[in-house]
């Protein structure tokens, strides 16, 4: 009886990774727009007046609120708020694999088409928008730099509870940071990681 109940409970409550329930969750939209018969990806430059990451290049999106029924609803809401496009004109193509930046931060990416002529971006959040042709991205070779991440326990960490105490050998790691240079713009960070994954998914598509 117990094992049957356990099996059902594990099946019903299975999350994508341990910690997903308490992680900070956000959702972004990769906007495809057609310009002069050619598909482009639209990017935002975050307003210089924003408190977090001013001037960074990003996809429309943001934090998933408690009032958002699903991550997709959050991505669509944020896209509407930031780009001013009518939700009824957004054609959702599908979702990509979630990006797990850390056990406490997860991003759900979606792909959709927008009507470029409808965009009237919110200047409180968006400094400007620009587009990059998909064909250009398919032919471009992004470059990568490594960033070392060190683990530093807080002052009250109970070293007396673990083997070797303060001499414990923490495992640091290196994070890959990818870069795309397009004219005066440099796409990097989380946006570049999601972009690189998306481009890898469409390499065999006829554009």
N, C-alpha and C. Protein backbone atom coordinates (compact mmCIF):
# COMPACT_ATOMS: atom_id res chain seq x y z
N UNK A 1 0.83 -1.21 0.00
CA UNK A 1 0.00 0.00 0.00
C UNK A 1 0.86 1.27 0.00
N UNK A 2 1.85 1.27 0.93
CA UNK A 2 2.72 2.45 1.03
C UNK A 2 3.46 2.70 -0.29
N UNK A 3 4.00 1.63 -0.89
CA UNK A 3 4.78 1.79 -2.11
C UNK A 3 3.91 2.26 -3.27
N UNK A 4 2.66 1.79 -3.33
CA UNK A 4 1.74 2.26 -4.37
C UNK A 4 1.44 3.74 -4.20
N UNK A 5 1.19 4.14 -2.95
CA UNK A 5 0.93 5.56 -2.68
C UNK A 5 2.15 6.41 -2.99
N UNK A 6 3.32 5.88 -2.63
CA UNK A 6 4.57 6.60 -2.89
C UNK A 6 4.77 6.79 -4.39
N UNK A 7 4.53 5.73 -5.16
CA UNK A 7 4.69 5.80 -6.61
C UNK A 7 3.77 6.86 -7.21
N UNK A 8 2.50 6.87 -6.77
CA UNK A 8 1.54 7.86 -7.28
C UNK A 8 1.94 9.28 -6.88
N UNK A 9 2.40 9.44 -5.64
CA UNK A 9 2.77 10.76 -5.16
C UNK A 9 3.97 11.31 -5.92
N UNK A 10 4.97 10.46 -6.14
CA UNK A 10 6.16 10.90 -6.88
C UNK A 10 5.79 11.27 -8.30
N UNK A 11 4.92 10.48 -8.91
CA UNK A 11 4.51 10.75 -10.29
C UNK A 11 3.76 12.08 -10.39
N UNK A 12 2.89 12.36 -9.42
CA UNK A 12 2.05 13.55 -9.47
C UNK A 12 2.81 14.82 -9.13
N UNK A 13 3.77 14.71 -8.22
CA UNK A 13 4.43 15.91 -7.72
C UNK A 13 5.81 16.14 -8.32
N UNK A 14 6.16 15.38 -9.35
CA UNK A 14 7.49 15.48 -9.93
C UNK A 14 7.72 16.86 -10.54
N UNK A 15 8.78 17.53 -10.13
CA UNK A 15 9.15 18.82 -10.69
C UNK A 15 10.31 18.63 -11.65
N UNK A 16 10.67 19.68 -12.37
CA UNK A 16 11.75 19.56 -13.35
C UNK A 16 13.11 19.44 -12.68
N UNK A 17 13.25 20.01 -11.48
CA UNK A 17 14.48 19.86 -10.72
C UNK A 17 14.18 20.17 -9.26
N UNK A 18 15.01 19.64 -8.37
CA UNK A 18 14.81 19.89 -6.95
C UNK A 18 15.04 21.37 -6.66
N UNK A 19 14.05 21.99 -6.04
CA UNK A 19 14.13 23.42 -5.74
C UNK A 19 13.29 24.28 -6.65
N UNK A 20 12.66 23.67 -7.66
CA UNK A 20 11.87 24.44 -8.62
C UNK A 20 10.73 25.20 -7.93
N UNK A 21 10.15 24.58 -6.92
CA UNK A 21 8.98 25.18 -6.26
C UNK A 21 9.33 26.53 -5.62
N UNK A 22 10.53 26.67 -5.10
CA UNK A 22 10.91 27.90 -4.39
C UNK A 22 11.82 28.82 -5.21
N UNK A 23 12.18 28.40 -6.42
CA UNK A 23 13.08 29.20 -7.25
C UNK A 23 12.40 30.47 -7.75
N UNK A 24 13.21 31.48 -8.00
CA UNK A 24 12.72 32.68 -8.67
C UNK A 24 12.48 32.31 -10.13
N UNK A 25 11.26 32.54 -10.61
CA UNK A 25 10.90 32.11 -11.96
C UNK A 25 10.60 33.32 -12.84
N UNK A 26 11.09 33.27 -14.05
CA UNK A 26 10.78 34.31 -15.03
C UNK A 26 10.51 33.65 -16.38
N UNK A 27 9.95 34.42 -17.27
CA UNK A 27 9.62 33.91 -18.61
C UNK A 27 9.97 34.98 -19.64
N UNK A 28 10.47 34.54 -20.78
CA UNK A 28 10.83 35.48 -21.84
C UNK A 28 10.24 35.00 -23.16
N UNK A 29 10.11 35.93 -24.07
CA UNK A 29 9.60 35.62 -25.41
C UNK A 29 10.68 35.95 -26.43
N UNK A 30 10.98 35.00 -27.31
CA UNK A 30 11.87 35.28 -28.44
C UNK A 30 10.99 35.74 -29.59
N UNK A 31 10.98 37.05 -29.89
CA UNK A 31 10.04 37.58 -30.88
C UNK A 31 10.60 37.50 -32.31
N UNK A 32 9.90 36.77 -33.16
CA UNK A 32 10.24 36.73 -34.57
C UNK A 32 9.39 37.75 -35.31
N UNK A 33 10.04 38.59 -36.10
CA UNK A 33 9.32 39.60 -36.88
C UNK A 33 9.78 39.51 -38.32
N UNK A 34 8.87 39.74 -39.24
CA UNK A 34 9.19 39.68 -40.66
C UNK A 34 9.38 41.10 -41.20
N UNK A 35 10.54 41.35 -41.75
CA UNK A 35 10.88 42.66 -42.29
C UNK A 35 11.36 42.49 -43.73
N UNK A 36 10.63 43.10 -44.67
CA UNK A 36 10.97 42.99 -46.10
C UNK A 36 11.14 41.54 -46.53
N UNK A 37 10.22 40.69 -46.05
CA UNK A 37 10.23 39.29 -46.46
C UNK A 37 11.28 38.42 -45.79
N UNK A 38 11.99 38.96 -44.80
CA UNK A 38 13.04 38.20 -44.12
C UNK A 38 12.77 38.15 -42.62
N UNK A 39 12.98 36.98 -42.02
CA UNK A 39 12.72 36.83 -40.60
C UNK A 39 13.88 37.38 -39.77
N UNK A 40 13.51 38.14 -38.74
CA UNK A 40 14.46 38.73 -37.80
C UNK A 40 14.05 38.33 -36.39
N UNK A 41 15.00 38.41 -35.46
CA UNK A 41 14.70 38.32 -34.03
C UNK A 41 14.79 39.73 -33.46
N UNK A 42 13.79 40.09 -32.68
CA UNK A 42 13.77 41.42 -32.08
C UNK A 42 14.37 41.37 -30.67
N UNK A 43 15.17 42.37 -30.36
CA UNK A 43 15.79 42.50 -29.04
C UNK A 43 15.44 43.86 -28.44
N UNK A 44 15.46 43.91 -27.13
CA UNK A 44 15.27 45.17 -26.41
C UNK A 44 16.59 45.61 -25.79
N UNK A 45 16.78 46.92 -25.72
CA UNK A 45 17.83 47.49 -24.88
C UNK A 45 17.10 48.04 -23.65
N UNK A 46 17.44 47.52 -22.48
CA UNK A 46 16.75 47.93 -21.26
C UNK A 46 17.01 49.41 -20.98
N UNK A 47 15.98 50.09 -20.51
CA UNK A 47 16.07 51.53 -20.25
C UNK A 47 17.24 51.84 -19.32
N UNK A 48 17.93 52.93 -19.58
CA UNK A 48 19.09 53.32 -18.78
C UNK A 48 18.69 53.73 -17.37
N UNK A 49 17.41 54.01 -17.16
CA UNK A 49 16.94 54.45 -15.85
C UNK A 49 16.52 53.30 -14.94
N UNK A 50 16.53 52.08 -15.45
CA UNK A 50 16.13 50.93 -14.64
C UNK A 50 17.17 50.66 -13.55
N UNK A 51 16.68 50.16 -12.41
CA UNK A 51 17.58 49.88 -11.29
C UNK A 51 18.44 48.64 -11.56
N UNK A 52 17.86 47.63 -12.20
CA UNK A 52 18.59 46.40 -12.48
C UNK A 52 18.96 46.30 -13.95
N UNK A 53 20.21 46.05 -14.20
CA UNK A 53 20.76 45.80 -15.54
C UNK A 53 20.36 46.86 -16.58
N UNK A 54 20.52 48.14 -16.27
CA UNK A 54 20.21 49.18 -17.26
C UNK A 54 21.12 49.06 -18.48
N UNK A 55 20.54 49.21 -19.67
CA UNK A 55 21.32 49.18 -20.89
C UNK A 55 21.63 47.80 -21.42
N UNK A 56 21.31 46.76 -20.65
CA UNK A 56 21.57 45.40 -21.13
C UNK A 56 20.60 45.04 -22.25
N UNK A 57 21.01 44.12 -23.09
CA UNK A 57 20.16 43.65 -24.19
C UNK A 57 19.41 42.41 -23.73
N UNK A 58 18.12 42.37 -24.00
CA UNK A 58 17.30 41.27 -23.50
C UNK A 58 16.16 40.96 -24.46
N UNK A 59 15.49 39.84 -24.18
CA UNK A 59 14.21 39.56 -24.80
C UNK A 59 13.12 40.15 -23.91
N UNK A 60 11.94 40.44 -24.47
CA UNK A 60 10.85 40.86 -23.60
C UNK A 60 10.51 39.74 -22.62
N UNK A 61 10.21 40.12 -21.39
CA UNK A 61 9.88 39.12 -20.38
C UNK A 61 10.20 39.64 -19.00
N UNK A 62 10.00 38.77 -18.02
CA UNK A 62 10.27 39.16 -16.65
C UNK A 62 9.72 38.15 -15.66
N UNK A 63 9.60 38.59 -14.44
CA UNK A 63 9.18 37.73 -13.33
C UNK A 63 7.77 37.16 -13.54
N UNK A 64 7.61 35.89 -13.22
CA UNK A 64 6.29 35.28 -13.26
C UNK A 64 5.56 35.66 -11.97
N UNK A 65 4.48 36.40 -12.10
CA UNK A 65 3.70 36.84 -10.95
C UNK A 65 2.74 35.75 -10.49
N UNK A 66 2.30 35.88 -9.26
CA UNK A 66 1.34 34.91 -8.72
C UNK A 66 0.04 34.92 -9.50
N UNK A 67 -0.27 36.04 -10.16
CA UNK A 67 -1.51 36.15 -10.93
C UNK A 67 -1.39 35.59 -12.34
N UNK A 68 -0.19 35.19 -12.74
CA UNK A 68 0.01 34.60 -14.06
C UNK A 68 -0.33 33.10 -14.01
N UNK A 69 -1.33 32.65 -14.75
CA UNK A 69 -1.71 31.23 -14.70
C UNK A 69 -0.58 30.28 -15.11
N UNK A 70 0.25 30.70 -16.07
CA UNK A 70 1.33 29.85 -16.58
C UNK A 70 2.53 30.73 -16.93
N UNK A 71 3.71 30.13 -17.11
CA UNK A 71 4.86 30.91 -17.58
C UNK A 71 4.59 31.60 -18.92
N UNK A 72 3.85 30.94 -19.81
CA UNK A 72 3.53 31.56 -21.10
C UNK A 72 2.71 32.83 -20.89
N UNK A 73 1.75 32.79 -19.98
CA UNK A 73 0.94 33.98 -19.70
C UNK A 73 1.83 35.12 -19.22
N UNK A 74 2.83 34.80 -18.42
CA UNK A 74 3.75 35.83 -17.93
C UNK A 74 4.56 36.42 -19.08
N UNK A 75 5.05 35.57 -19.97
CA UNK A 75 5.83 36.05 -21.12
C UNK A 75 4.99 36.95 -22.01
N UNK A 76 3.73 36.57 -22.24
CA UNK A 76 2.85 37.37 -23.09
C UNK A 76 2.51 38.70 -22.41
N UNK A 77 2.23 38.65 -21.11
CA UNK A 77 1.90 39.88 -20.38
C UNK A 77 3.06 40.86 -20.44
N UNK A 78 4.25 40.37 -20.15
CA UNK A 78 5.43 41.23 -20.17
C UNK A 78 5.70 41.79 -21.56
N UNK A 79 5.50 40.97 -22.59
CA UNK A 79 5.70 41.44 -23.96
C UNK A 79 4.73 42.55 -24.29
N UNK A 80 3.48 42.39 -23.88
CA UNK A 80 2.48 43.43 -24.10
C UNK A 80 2.87 44.71 -23.37
N UNK A 81 3.30 44.58 -22.11
CA UNK A 81 3.64 45.76 -21.32
C UNK A 81 4.87 46.48 -21.87
N UNK A 82 5.84 45.73 -22.38
CA UNK A 82 7.09 46.33 -22.82
C UNK A 82 7.06 46.81 -24.26
N UNK A 83 6.39 46.06 -25.13
CA UNK A 83 6.40 46.41 -26.56
C UNK A 83 5.09 47.00 -27.05
N UNK A 84 4.04 46.93 -26.24
CA UNK A 84 2.77 47.56 -26.61
C UNK A 84 1.98 46.83 -27.67
N UNK A 85 2.35 45.58 -27.97
CA UNK A 85 1.65 44.85 -29.02
C UNK A 85 0.37 44.22 -28.47
N UNK A 86 -0.65 44.11 -29.33
CA UNK A 86 -1.91 43.48 -28.97
C UNK A 86 -1.68 41.99 -28.77
N UNK A 87 -2.13 41.47 -27.61
CA UNK A 87 -1.93 40.06 -27.31
C UNK A 87 -2.57 39.15 -28.36
N UNK A 88 -3.65 39.62 -28.95
CA UNK A 88 -4.35 38.79 -29.95
C UNK A 88 -3.57 38.63 -31.25
N UNK A 89 -2.54 39.47 -31.43
CA UNK A 89 -1.75 39.39 -32.67
C UNK A 89 -0.46 38.61 -32.49
N UNK A 90 -0.21 38.12 -31.26
CA UNK A 90 0.99 37.33 -30.99
C UNK A 90 0.70 35.87 -31.32
N UNK A 91 1.48 35.31 -32.22
CA UNK A 91 1.30 33.91 -32.61
C UNK A 91 2.40 33.06 -31.97
N UNK A 92 2.02 32.31 -30.94
CA UNK A 92 3.00 31.50 -30.21
C UNK A 92 3.36 30.26 -31.02
N UNK A 93 4.65 30.08 -31.29
CA UNK A 93 5.13 28.94 -32.05
C UNK A 93 5.38 27.73 -31.14
N UNK A 94 5.94 27.98 -29.97
CA UNK A 94 6.21 26.89 -29.03
C UNK A 94 7.13 27.34 -27.92
N UNK A 95 7.51 26.40 -27.08
CA UNK A 95 8.39 26.70 -25.96
C UNK A 95 9.71 25.96 -26.12
N UNK A 96 10.75 26.51 -25.50
CA UNK A 96 12.05 25.87 -25.46
C UNK A 96 12.25 25.23 -24.09
N UNK A 97 13.32 24.48 -23.96
CA UNK A 97 13.65 23.90 -22.66
C UNK A 97 13.90 25.03 -21.66
N UNK A 98 13.47 24.87 -20.41
CA UNK A 98 13.75 25.90 -19.40
C UNK A 98 15.25 26.07 -19.22
N UNK A 99 15.65 27.29 -18.92
CA UNK A 99 17.05 27.58 -18.63
C UNK A 99 17.21 27.66 -17.12
N UNK A 100 17.98 26.73 -16.55
CA UNK A 100 18.20 26.71 -15.10
C UNK A 100 19.52 27.41 -14.82
N UNK A 101 19.41 28.69 -14.50
CA UNK A 101 20.62 29.47 -14.25
C UNK A 101 21.30 29.02 -12.96
N UNK A 102 20.50 28.63 -11.97
CA UNK A 102 20.98 28.11 -10.70
C UNK A 102 19.79 27.43 -10.03
N UNK A 103 20.00 26.70 -8.95
CA UNK A 103 18.86 26.07 -8.27
C UNK A 103 17.81 27.07 -7.78
N UNK A 104 18.18 28.35 -7.76
CA UNK A 104 17.23 29.36 -7.26
C UNK A 104 16.74 30.30 -8.36
N UNK A 105 17.07 30.01 -9.63
CA UNK A 105 16.66 30.91 -10.71
C UNK A 105 16.42 30.12 -11.98
N UNK A 106 15.21 30.21 -12.52
CA UNK A 106 14.85 29.47 -13.72
C UNK A 106 14.13 30.39 -14.70
N UNK A 107 14.41 30.21 -15.99
CA UNK A 107 13.79 31.03 -17.03
C UNK A 107 13.08 30.10 -18.02
N UNK A 108 11.84 30.44 -18.34
CA UNK A 108 11.06 29.67 -19.31
C UNK A 108 10.99 30.47 -20.61
N UNK A 109 11.64 30.01 -21.68
CA UNK A 109 11.62 30.75 -22.95
C UNK A 109 10.53 30.24 -23.90
N UNK A 110 9.94 31.18 -24.63
CA UNK A 110 8.92 30.85 -25.64
C UNK A 110 9.29 31.57 -26.93
N UNK A 111 8.78 31.03 -28.04
CA UNK A 111 9.03 31.62 -29.36
C UNK A 111 7.69 32.03 -29.96
N UNK A 112 7.62 33.22 -30.53
CA UNK A 112 6.38 33.70 -31.12
C UNK A 112 6.67 34.71 -32.22
N UNK A 113 5.70 34.89 -33.09
CA UNK A 113 5.82 35.94 -34.11
C UNK A 113 5.03 37.17 -33.66
N UNK A 114 5.55 38.34 -34.04
CA UNK A 114 4.90 39.62 -33.74
C UNK A 114 4.75 40.42 -35.03
N UNK A 115 3.83 41.36 -34.99
CA UNK A 115 3.69 42.31 -36.09
C UNK A 115 4.60 43.50 -35.77
N UNK A 116 5.70 43.62 -36.51
CA UNK A 116 6.70 44.65 -36.22
C UNK A 116 6.12 46.05 -36.32
N UNK A 117 5.12 46.24 -37.18
CA UNK A 117 4.55 47.57 -37.37
C UNK A 117 3.70 48.01 -36.17
N UNK A 118 3.36 47.08 -35.30
CA UNK A 118 2.52 47.41 -34.14
C UNK A 118 3.32 47.85 -32.93
N UNK A 119 4.62 47.64 -32.96
CA UNK A 119 5.42 47.85 -31.76
C UNK A 119 5.49 49.33 -31.38
N UNK A 120 5.12 49.59 -30.13
CA UNK A 120 5.22 50.93 -29.56
C UNK A 120 5.73 50.75 -28.14
N UNK A 121 7.06 50.67 -28.00
CA UNK A 121 7.62 50.21 -26.74
C UNK A 121 7.49 51.21 -25.60
N UNK A 122 7.45 50.67 -24.39
CA UNK A 122 7.32 51.44 -23.16
C UNK A 122 8.68 52.04 -22.79
N UNK A 123 8.83 53.34 -22.93
CA UNK A 123 10.12 53.98 -22.73
C UNK A 123 10.59 53.97 -21.28
N UNK A 124 9.68 53.65 -20.34
CA UNK A 124 10.08 53.52 -18.95
C UNK A 124 10.87 52.24 -18.72
N UNK A 125 10.68 51.27 -19.61
CA UNK A 125 11.37 49.98 -19.47
C UNK A 125 12.34 49.69 -20.61
N UNK A 126 12.07 50.26 -21.77
CA UNK A 126 12.85 49.93 -22.96
C UNK A 126 13.47 51.19 -23.55
N UNK A 127 14.79 51.19 -23.70
CA UNK A 127 15.50 52.33 -24.27
C UNK A 127 15.32 52.37 -25.79
N UNK A 128 15.43 51.20 -26.40
CA UNK A 128 15.24 51.06 -27.85
C UNK A 128 15.07 49.59 -28.18
N UNK A 129 14.65 49.32 -29.41
CA UNK A 129 14.59 47.95 -29.90
C UNK A 129 15.39 47.88 -31.20
N UNK A 130 15.87 46.69 -31.51
CA UNK A 130 16.55 46.47 -32.78
C UNK A 130 16.33 45.01 -33.18
N UNK A 131 16.58 44.71 -34.43
CA UNK A 131 16.39 43.35 -34.92
C UNK A 131 17.66 42.82 -35.57
N UNK A 132 17.80 41.50 -35.54
CA UNK A 132 18.93 40.83 -36.18
C UNK A 132 18.37 39.76 -37.10
N UNK A 133 18.79 39.71 -38.36
CA UNK A 133 18.28 38.69 -39.27
C UNK A 133 18.62 37.28 -38.78
N UNK A 134 17.66 36.38 -38.90
CA UNK A 134 17.90 35.00 -38.49
C UNK A 134 19.01 34.38 -39.32
N UNK A 135 19.05 34.68 -40.62
CA UNK A 135 20.11 34.14 -41.47
C UNK A 135 21.49 34.56 -40.98
N UNK A 136 21.60 35.80 -40.54
CA UNK A 136 22.89 36.29 -40.02
C UNK A 136 23.28 35.50 -38.79
N UNK A 137 22.32 35.27 -37.90
CA UNK A 137 22.61 34.53 -36.67
C UNK A 137 23.00 33.09 -36.96
N UNK A 138 22.39 32.48 -37.97
CA UNK A 138 22.72 31.11 -38.34
C UNK A 138 24.15 30.99 -38.86
N UNK A 139 24.66 32.05 -39.46
CA UNK A 139 26.01 32.03 -40.02
C UNK A 139 27.08 32.59 -39.08
N UNK A 140 26.64 33.21 -38.01
CA UNK A 140 27.58 33.85 -37.09
C UNK A 140 28.14 32.83 -36.09
N UNK A 141 29.41 32.96 -35.76
CA UNK A 141 30.04 32.11 -34.76
C UNK A 141 30.25 32.91 -33.48
N UNK A 142 29.39 32.71 -32.49
CA UNK A 142 29.57 33.45 -31.23
C UNK A 142 30.87 33.03 -30.55
N UNK A 143 31.44 33.91 -29.77
CA UNK A 143 32.66 33.58 -29.04
C UNK A 143 32.36 33.50 -27.55
N UNK A 144 33.23 32.81 -26.83
CA UNK A 144 32.95 32.49 -25.45
C UNK A 144 34.11 32.86 -24.53
N UNK A 145 33.77 33.34 -23.32
CA UNK A 145 34.75 33.56 -22.26
C UNK A 145 34.26 32.86 -21.00
N UNK A 146 35.18 32.37 -20.20
CA UNK A 146 34.83 31.70 -18.96
C UNK A 146 34.88 32.66 -17.79
N UNK A 147 33.92 32.51 -16.90
CA UNK A 147 33.88 33.29 -15.65
C UNK A 147 33.95 32.30 -14.49
N UNK A 148 34.93 32.46 -13.61
CA UNK A 148 35.07 31.57 -12.46
C UNK A 148 34.10 31.97 -11.36
N UNK A 149 33.43 30.98 -10.81
CA UNK A 149 32.49 31.20 -9.72
C UNK A 149 33.02 30.49 -8.48
N UNK A 150 33.27 31.24 -7.42
CA UNK A 150 33.79 30.67 -6.18
C UNK A 150 32.68 30.58 -5.14
N UNK A 151 32.77 29.57 -4.28
CA UNK A 151 31.80 29.41 -3.19
C UNK A 151 32.41 29.98 -1.93
N UNK A 152 31.72 30.95 -1.33
CA UNK A 152 32.20 31.59 -0.11
C UNK A 152 31.11 31.45 0.96
N UNK A 153 31.29 30.55 1.93
CA UNK A 153 30.28 30.40 2.99
C UNK A 153 30.14 31.67 3.82
N UNK A 154 28.94 31.89 4.36
CA UNK A 154 28.71 33.05 5.21
C UNK A 154 29.42 32.86 6.55
N UNK A 155 29.55 33.95 7.28
CA UNK A 155 30.34 33.96 8.52
C UNK A 155 29.81 32.97 9.56
N UNK A 156 28.49 32.74 9.55
CA UNK A 156 27.92 31.85 10.56
C UNK A 156 27.79 30.40 10.08
N UNK A 157 28.48 30.04 9.00
CA UNK A 157 28.39 28.67 8.48
C UNK A 157 28.94 27.70 9.52
N UNK A 158 28.22 26.59 9.80
CA UNK A 158 28.64 25.65 10.86
C UNK A 158 29.74 24.69 10.40
N UNK A 159 30.95 25.22 10.29
CA UNK A 159 32.07 24.38 9.84
C UNK A 159 32.28 23.18 10.76
N UNK A 160 31.92 23.31 12.04
CA UNK A 160 32.12 22.21 12.99
C UNK A 160 31.23 21.01 12.70
N UNK A 161 30.24 21.18 11.81
CA UNK A 161 29.32 20.09 11.47
C UNK A 161 29.80 19.26 10.28
N UNK A 162 30.82 19.73 9.59
CA UNK A 162 31.22 19.04 8.36
C UNK A 162 32.66 18.55 8.48
N UNK A 163 32.97 17.49 7.74
CA UNK A 163 34.32 16.94 7.73
C UNK A 163 35.31 17.96 7.19
N UNK A 164 36.43 18.07 7.86
CA UNK A 164 37.55 18.97 7.51
C UNK A 164 37.26 20.43 7.84
N UNK A 165 36.08 20.73 8.35
CA UNK A 165 35.78 22.07 8.85
C UNK A 165 36.12 23.17 7.87
N UNK A 166 36.88 24.15 8.35
CA UNK A 166 37.21 25.29 7.50
C UNK A 166 38.17 24.93 6.38
N UNK A 167 38.72 23.73 6.42
CA UNK A 167 39.60 23.27 5.35
C UNK A 167 38.86 22.47 4.29
N UNK A 168 37.53 22.46 4.38
CA UNK A 168 36.74 21.72 3.39
C UNK A 168 37.03 22.27 1.99
N UNK A 169 37.19 21.37 1.04
CA UNK A 169 37.52 21.77 -0.33
C UNK A 169 36.24 22.00 -1.14
N UNK A 170 35.82 23.25 -1.23
CA UNK A 170 34.63 23.59 -2.00
C UNK A 170 34.95 23.47 -3.49
N UNK A 171 33.96 23.02 -4.25
CA UNK A 171 34.14 22.87 -5.70
C UNK A 171 33.67 24.13 -6.41
N UNK A 172 34.60 24.91 -6.87
CA UNK A 172 34.24 26.07 -7.69
C UNK A 172 33.88 25.59 -9.10
N UNK A 173 33.42 26.50 -9.90
CA UNK A 173 33.07 26.12 -11.28
C UNK A 173 33.29 27.30 -12.21
N UNK A 174 33.29 27.00 -13.48
CA UNK A 174 33.42 28.04 -14.49
C UNK A 174 32.13 28.14 -15.30
N UNK A 175 31.70 29.34 -15.57
CA UNK A 175 30.48 29.59 -16.33
C UNK A 175 30.86 30.11 -17.71
N UNK A 176 30.25 29.53 -18.73
CA UNK A 176 30.47 29.99 -20.09
C UNK A 176 29.63 31.23 -20.37
N UNK A 177 30.26 32.28 -20.81
CA UNK A 177 29.56 33.50 -21.23
C UNK A 177 29.77 33.66 -22.73
N UNK A 178 28.67 33.60 -23.48
CA UNK A 178 28.73 33.70 -24.94
C UNK A 178 28.43 35.13 -25.39
N UNK A 179 29.04 35.51 -26.52
CA UNK A 179 28.91 36.87 -27.03
C UNK A 179 28.56 36.86 -28.52
N UNK A 180 27.60 37.71 -28.86
CA UNK A 180 27.25 37.97 -30.27
C UNK A 180 27.44 39.46 -30.51
N UNK A 181 28.31 39.83 -31.43
CA UNK A 181 28.52 41.23 -31.79
C UNK A 181 27.78 41.53 -33.09
N UNK A 182 26.84 42.45 -33.02
CA UNK A 182 26.08 42.84 -34.22
C UNK A 182 26.06 44.36 -34.29
N UNK A 183 26.88 44.89 -35.18
CA UNK A 183 26.98 46.34 -35.27
C UNK A 183 27.44 46.92 -33.94
N UNK A 184 26.72 47.87 -33.42
CA UNK A 184 27.09 48.51 -32.16
C UNK A 184 26.58 47.73 -30.94
N UNK A 185 25.88 46.63 -31.18
CA UNK A 185 25.26 45.88 -30.09
C UNK A 185 26.06 44.63 -29.75
N UNK A 186 26.15 44.33 -28.46
CA UNK A 186 26.73 43.07 -28.01
C UNK A 186 25.70 42.34 -27.16
N UNK A 187 25.31 41.17 -27.63
CA UNK A 187 24.35 40.34 -26.92
C UNK A 187 25.14 39.31 -26.12
N UNK A 188 24.90 39.26 -24.82
CA UNK A 188 25.64 38.33 -23.98
C UNK A 188 24.77 37.93 -22.78
N UNK A 189 25.36 37.18 -21.87
CA UNK A 189 24.64 36.79 -20.65
C UNK A 189 23.52 35.80 -20.93
N UNK A 190 22.49 35.90 -20.10
CA UNK A 190 21.35 34.98 -20.20
C UNK A 190 20.72 35.03 -21.58
N UNK A 191 20.60 36.22 -22.15
CA UNK A 191 19.98 36.37 -23.47
C UNK A 191 20.78 35.61 -24.53
N UNK A 192 22.11 35.69 -24.46
CA UNK A 192 22.95 34.99 -25.43
C UNK A 192 22.84 33.48 -25.27
N UNK A 193 22.72 33.02 -24.02
CA UNK A 193 22.62 31.57 -23.79
C UNK A 193 21.33 31.03 -24.40
N UNK A 194 20.23 31.73 -24.17
CA UNK A 194 18.94 31.29 -24.72
C UNK A 194 18.96 31.41 -26.24
N UNK A 195 19.54 32.49 -26.75
CA UNK A 195 19.64 32.69 -28.20
C UNK A 195 20.44 31.56 -28.83
N UNK A 196 21.56 31.21 -28.24
CA UNK A 196 22.42 30.15 -28.79
C UNK A 196 21.65 28.82 -28.84
N UNK A 197 20.91 28.53 -27.80
CA UNK A 197 20.12 27.30 -27.78
C UNK A 197 19.06 27.33 -28.88
N UNK A 198 18.39 28.46 -29.04
CA UNK A 198 17.35 28.57 -30.07
C UNK A 198 17.94 28.41 -31.46
N UNK A 199 19.05 29.07 -31.73
CA UNK A 199 19.69 28.97 -33.05
C UNK A 199 20.08 27.52 -33.33
N UNK A 200 20.53 26.82 -32.31
CA UNK A 200 20.87 25.42 -32.49
C UNK A 200 19.67 24.56 -32.86
N UNK A 201 18.48 24.97 -32.39
CA UNK A 201 17.27 24.23 -32.68
C UNK A 201 16.80 24.41 -34.13
N UNK A 202 17.19 25.52 -34.76
CA UNK A 202 16.64 25.82 -36.10
C UNK A 202 17.70 25.71 -37.19
N UNK A 203 18.84 25.13 -36.89
CA UNK A 203 19.93 25.06 -37.86
C UNK A 203 19.55 24.37 -39.16
N UNK A 204 18.63 23.42 -39.08
CA UNK A 204 18.24 22.66 -40.29
C UNK A 204 16.96 23.18 -40.93
N UNK A 205 16.48 24.32 -40.46
CA UNK A 205 15.25 24.89 -41.04
C UNK A 205 15.59 25.69 -42.30
N UNK A 206 14.66 25.72 -43.23
CA UNK A 206 14.80 26.54 -44.43
C UNK A 206 14.31 27.94 -44.11
N UNK A 207 15.20 28.89 -44.08
CA UNK A 207 14.84 30.27 -43.73
C UNK A 207 14.65 31.08 -45.01
